[in-house]
Amino acid sequence: MKFVRIPLAVGVIYSSDGNFKPKTISVNGQIFSIDRVLYKKNYCPKSVPAIAPIEFTVMVEGEIKRIYFEQDTGKWFSVKKVLKSNEGQSNFTQ
């Protein structure tokens, strides 16, 4: 078993003071609304390579999810545990 990064397209709201908040997540053509942001912290998951990301713990359709934003690259991602047989398939909704 290993972990992989799942790239995400995230709709973000920016405020006039430069803060931002994720509002939607798009994975494999499906769009999910973020009900609310529960936590935001600087945290780098140990299981995948990343460049100083911000971790957002969010509520999506009643489930808690963790998504990450790398400010240096401008990329959003999630982390998924995979077996060799299904590597690279998105499992964001499970």
N, C-alpha and C. Protein backbone atom coordinates (compact mmCIF):
# COMPACT_ATOMS: atom_id res chain seq x y z
N MET A 1 0.84 -1.17 0.00
CA MET A 1 0.00 0.00 0.00
C MET A 1 0.89 1.24 0.00
N LYS A 2 0.44 2.26 -0.76
CA LYS A 2 1.17 3.52 -0.76
C LYS A 2 0.18 4.66 -0.88
N PHE A 3 0.69 5.87 -0.89
CA PHE A 3 -0.13 7.06 -0.97
C PHE A 3 0.23 7.83 -2.23
N VAL A 4 -0.79 8.45 -2.85
CA VAL A 4 -0.56 9.27 -4.04
C VAL A 4 -1.29 10.60 -3.88
N ARG A 5 -0.78 11.59 -4.62
CA ARG A 5 -1.44 12.89 -4.69
C ARG A 5 -2.53 12.82 -5.74
N ILE A 6 -3.70 13.31 -5.42
CA ILE A 6 -4.80 13.42 -6.38
C ILE A 6 -4.97 14.91 -6.69
N PRO A 7 -4.69 15.34 -7.92
CA PRO A 7 -4.85 16.75 -8.26
C PRO A 7 -6.32 17.16 -8.19
N LEU A 8 -6.56 18.35 -7.69
CA LEU A 8 -7.91 18.88 -7.56
C LEU A 8 -8.02 20.24 -8.24
N ALA A 9 -9.18 20.52 -8.78
CA ALA A 9 -9.52 21.87 -9.22
C ALA A 9 -10.42 22.44 -8.13
N VAL A 10 -10.01 23.56 -7.55
CA VAL A 10 -10.73 24.12 -6.41
C VAL A 10 -11.18 25.53 -6.73
N GLY A 11 -12.47 25.80 -6.51
CA GLY A 11 -13.00 27.15 -6.63
C GLY A 11 -12.77 27.88 -5.32
N VAL A 12 -12.18 29.07 -5.40
CA VAL A 12 -11.74 29.79 -4.20
C VAL A 12 -12.35 31.19 -4.18
N ILE A 13 -12.70 31.66 -2.98
CA ILE A 13 -13.15 33.02 -2.77
C ILE A 13 -12.00 33.78 -2.10
N TYR A 14 -11.62 34.90 -2.69
CA TYR A 14 -10.57 35.75 -2.11
C TYR A 14 -11.21 36.99 -1.49
N SER A 15 -10.71 37.38 -0.32
CA SER A 15 -11.19 38.60 0.32
C SER A 15 -10.25 39.75 -0.01
N SER A 16 -10.68 40.95 0.28
CA SER A 16 -9.88 42.14 -0.05
C SER A 16 -8.57 42.21 0.74
N ASP A 17 -8.49 41.49 1.87
CA ASP A 17 -7.25 41.51 2.65
C ASP A 17 -6.28 40.41 2.24
N GLY A 18 -6.61 39.66 1.17
CA GLY A 18 -5.69 38.65 0.66
C GLY A 18 -5.94 37.25 1.18
N ASN A 19 -6.83 37.08 2.13
CA ASN A 19 -7.16 35.74 2.61
C ASN A 19 -8.00 35.02 1.56
N PHE A 20 -7.99 33.70 1.61
CA PHE A 20 -8.79 32.93 0.66
C PHE A 20 -9.41 31.73 1.34
N LYS A 21 -10.51 31.26 0.73
CA LYS A 21 -11.27 30.14 1.30
C LYS A 21 -11.79 29.27 0.17
N PRO A 22 -11.50 27.96 0.21
CA PRO A 22 -12.02 27.07 -0.83
C PRO A 22 -13.53 26.92 -0.71
N LYS A 23 -14.24 26.93 -1.86
CA LYS A 23 -15.70 26.82 -1.86
C LYS A 23 -16.21 25.59 -2.60
N THR A 24 -15.52 25.17 -3.65
CA THR A 24 -15.91 23.99 -4.42
C THR A 24 -14.68 23.17 -4.77
N ILE A 25 -14.91 21.87 -5.00
CA ILE A 25 -13.85 20.96 -5.41
C ILE A 25 -14.34 20.21 -6.64
N SER A 26 -13.51 20.15 -7.66
CA SER A 26 -13.85 19.41 -8.87
C SER A 26 -12.87 18.25 -9.02
N VAL A 27 -13.43 17.04 -9.10
CA VAL A 27 -12.62 15.82 -9.25
C VAL A 27 -13.24 14.98 -10.35
N ASN A 28 -12.46 14.65 -11.36
CA ASN A 28 -12.94 13.81 -12.46
C ASN A 28 -14.27 14.29 -13.03
N GLY A 29 -14.42 15.60 -13.18
CA GLY A 29 -15.64 16.16 -13.77
C GLY A 29 -16.79 16.35 -12.80
N GLN A 30 -16.69 15.87 -11.58
CA GLN A 30 -17.74 16.05 -10.58
C GLN A 30 -17.39 17.24 -9.71
N ILE A 31 -18.38 18.09 -9.43
CA ILE A 31 -18.16 19.27 -8.59
C ILE A 31 -18.86 19.05 -7.26
N PHE A 32 -18.11 19.28 -6.19
CA PHE A 32 -18.61 19.13 -4.83
C PHE A 32 -18.54 20.47 -4.12
N SER A 33 -19.59 20.83 -3.42
CA SER A 33 -19.62 22.07 -2.65
C SER A 33 -18.99 21.84 -1.28
N ILE A 34 -18.15 22.76 -0.87
CA ILE A 34 -17.57 22.70 0.47
C ILE A 34 -18.55 23.39 1.41
N ASP A 35 -19.10 22.61 2.33
CA ASP A 35 -20.08 23.15 3.27
C ASP A 35 -19.44 24.17 4.21
N ARG A 36 -18.25 23.84 4.71
CA ARG A 36 -17.52 24.78 5.56
C ARG A 36 -16.08 24.32 5.75
N VAL A 37 -15.24 25.28 6.08
CA VAL A 37 -13.84 25.00 6.41
C VAL A 37 -13.77 24.84 7.92
N LEU A 38 -13.30 23.68 8.36
CA LEU A 38 -13.22 23.41 9.80
C LEU A 38 -11.90 23.89 10.39
N TYR A 39 -10.79 23.63 9.68
CA TYR A 39 -9.45 24.01 10.15
C TYR A 39 -8.60 24.40 8.96
N LYS A 40 -7.62 25.26 9.25
CA LYS A 40 -6.62 25.64 8.25
C LYS A 40 -5.29 25.73 8.99
N LYS A 41 -4.28 25.02 8.47
CA LYS A 41 -2.97 25.08 9.13
C LYS A 41 -1.88 24.76 8.11
N ASN A 42 -0.69 25.19 8.41
CA ASN A 42 0.47 24.82 7.60
C ASN A 42 0.86 23.40 8.00
N TYR A 43 0.76 22.49 7.07
CA TYR A 43 1.07 21.09 7.36
C TYR A 43 1.44 20.37 6.07
N CYS A 44 2.50 19.61 6.14
CA CYS A 44 2.95 18.83 4.99
C CYS A 44 2.73 17.35 5.27
N PRO A 45 1.86 16.70 4.47
CA PRO A 45 1.65 15.26 4.70
C PRO A 45 2.95 14.51 4.45
N LYS A 46 3.28 13.60 5.32
CA LYS A 46 4.55 12.87 5.24
C LYS A 46 4.53 11.81 4.14
N SER A 47 3.35 11.45 3.65
CA SER A 47 3.21 10.32 2.74
C SER A 47 3.43 10.66 1.27
N VAL A 48 3.40 11.96 0.90
CA VAL A 48 3.59 12.36 -0.50
C VAL A 48 4.50 13.58 -0.55
N PRO A 49 5.21 13.77 -1.66
CA PRO A 49 6.03 14.97 -1.77
C PRO A 49 5.16 16.22 -1.93
N ALA A 50 5.54 17.29 -1.25
CA ALA A 50 4.80 18.55 -1.33
C ALA A 50 5.73 19.68 -0.93
N ILE A 51 5.40 20.89 -1.39
CA ILE A 51 6.21 22.07 -1.09
C ILE A 51 5.43 22.97 -0.14
N ALA A 52 5.68 22.82 1.15
CA ALA A 52 5.10 23.66 2.21
C ALA A 52 3.62 23.98 2.00
N PRO A 53 2.76 22.96 1.94
CA PRO A 53 1.34 23.24 1.69
C PRO A 53 0.59 23.73 2.93
N ILE A 54 -0.58 24.29 2.65
CA ILE A 54 -1.55 24.62 3.68
C ILE A 54 -2.59 23.50 3.64
N GLU A 55 -2.88 22.93 4.80
CA GLU A 55 -3.90 21.89 4.88
C GLU A 55 -5.22 22.52 5.30
N PHE A 56 -6.26 22.22 4.53
CA PHE A 56 -7.62 22.65 4.86
C PHE A 56 -8.41 21.40 5.22
N THR A 57 -8.98 21.37 6.41
CA THR A 57 -9.91 20.32 6.78
C THR A 57 -11.29 20.89 6.51
N VAL A 58 -12.01 20.24 5.60
CA VAL A 58 -13.29 20.79 5.13
C VAL A 58 -14.41 19.76 5.28
N MET A 59 -15.63 20.27 5.32
CA MET A 59 -16.82 19.43 5.34
C MET A 59 -17.40 19.46 3.93
N VAL A 60 -17.49 18.27 3.31
CA VAL A 60 -18.03 18.13 1.95
C VAL A 60 -19.15 17.10 2.00
N GLU A 61 -20.35 17.55 1.75
CA GLU A 61 -21.52 16.67 1.76
C GLU A 61 -21.58 15.82 3.03
N GLY A 62 -21.31 16.46 4.17
CA GLY A 62 -21.40 15.79 5.46
C GLY A 62 -20.19 14.97 5.86
N GLU A 63 -19.17 14.92 5.02
CA GLU A 63 -17.96 14.14 5.32
C GLU A 63 -16.76 15.07 5.47
N ILE A 64 -15.89 14.73 6.40
CA ILE A 64 -14.67 15.50 6.61
C ILE A 64 -13.61 15.04 5.62
N LYS A 65 -13.01 16.02 4.92
CA LYS A 65 -11.95 15.75 3.95
C LYS A 65 -10.78 16.68 4.23
N ARG A 66 -9.61 16.26 3.81
CA ARG A 66 -8.42 17.11 3.91
C ARG A 66 -7.93 17.41 2.50
N ILE A 67 -7.77 18.70 2.22
CA ILE A 67 -7.21 19.11 0.94
C ILE A 67 -6.02 20.03 1.22
N TYR A 68 -5.12 20.11 0.26
CA TYR A 68 -3.88 20.84 0.46
C TYR A 68 -3.67 21.84 -0.67
N PHE A 69 -3.06 22.99 -0.33
CA PHE A 69 -2.72 23.99 -1.32
C PHE A 69 -1.24 24.35 -1.19
N GLU A 70 -0.50 24.20 -2.29
CA GLU A 70 0.90 24.60 -2.33
C GLU A 70 0.96 26.01 -2.89
N GLN A 71 1.31 26.97 -2.05
CA GLN A 71 1.38 28.36 -2.51
C GLN A 71 2.47 28.55 -3.55
N ASP A 72 3.59 27.86 -3.42
CA ASP A 72 4.69 28.03 -4.37
C ASP A 72 4.33 27.57 -5.78
N THR A 73 3.51 26.53 -5.90
CA THR A 73 3.16 26.01 -7.22
C THR A 73 1.74 26.38 -7.65
N GLY A 74 0.90 26.83 -6.68
CA GLY A 74 -0.49 27.16 -6.98
C GLY A 74 -1.35 25.94 -7.21
N LYS A 75 -0.91 24.77 -6.74
CA LYS A 75 -1.63 23.52 -6.97
C LYS A 75 -2.38 23.05 -5.72
N TRP A 76 -3.58 22.52 -5.97
CA TRP A 76 -4.40 21.90 -4.93
C TRP A 76 -4.34 20.39 -5.12
N PHE A 77 -4.39 19.64 -4.00
CA PHE A 77 -4.39 18.19 -4.09
C PHE A 77 -4.97 17.58 -2.84
N SER A 78 -5.33 16.31 -2.95
CA SER A 78 -5.69 15.50 -1.78
C SER A 78 -4.74 14.31 -1.78
N VAL A 79 -4.77 13.54 -0.73
CA VAL A 79 -3.91 12.36 -0.60
C VAL A 79 -4.80 11.14 -0.48
N LYS A 80 -4.45 10.11 -1.22
CA LYS A 80 -5.24 8.88 -1.21
C LYS A 80 -4.35 7.67 -0.98
N LYS A 81 -4.82 6.76 -0.17
CA LYS A 81 -4.18 5.47 0.03
C LYS A 81 -4.58 4.58 -1.13
N VAL A 82 -3.62 3.94 -1.79
CA VAL A 82 -3.95 3.10 -2.93
C VAL A 82 -3.24 1.75 -2.85
N LEU A 83 -3.85 0.79 -3.51
CA LEU A 83 -3.22 -0.49 -3.75
C LEU A 83 -2.69 -0.45 -5.17
N LYS A 84 -1.77 -1.25 -5.51
CA LYS A 84 -1.18 -1.24 -6.85
C LYS A 84 -2.23 -1.42 -7.94
N SER A 85 -3.28 -2.18 -7.72
CA SER A 85 -4.26 -2.47 -8.75
C SER A 85 -5.13 -1.28 -9.14
N ASN A 86 -5.32 -0.29 -8.22
CA ASN A 86 -6.16 0.85 -8.56
C ASN A 86 -5.39 2.17 -8.48
N GLU A 87 -4.10 2.13 -8.61
CA GLU A 87 -3.27 3.32 -8.50
C GLU A 87 -3.70 4.39 -9.50
N GLY A 88 -3.80 5.62 -9.01
CA GLY A 88 -4.13 6.74 -9.86
C GLY A 88 -5.61 7.01 -10.03
N GLN A 89 -6.47 6.11 -9.58
CA GLN A 89 -7.90 6.37 -9.67
C GLN A 89 -8.31 7.24 -8.50
N SER A 90 -9.16 8.21 -8.74
CA SER A 90 -9.60 9.10 -7.70
C SER A 90 -10.58 8.40 -6.78
N ASN A 91 -10.43 8.64 -5.51
CA ASN A 91 -11.32 8.07 -4.50
C ASN A 91 -11.77 9.19 -3.57
N PHE A 92 -11.85 10.41 -4.09
CA PHE A 92 -12.14 11.55 -3.24
C PHE A 92 -13.47 11.41 -2.53
N THR A 93 -14.48 10.87 -3.19
CA THR A 93 -15.82 10.83 -2.61
C THR A 93 -16.02 9.70 -1.62
N GLN A 94 -15.09 8.79 -1.49
CA GLN A 94 -15.30 7.68 -0.55
C GLN A 94 -14.72 7.96 0.80
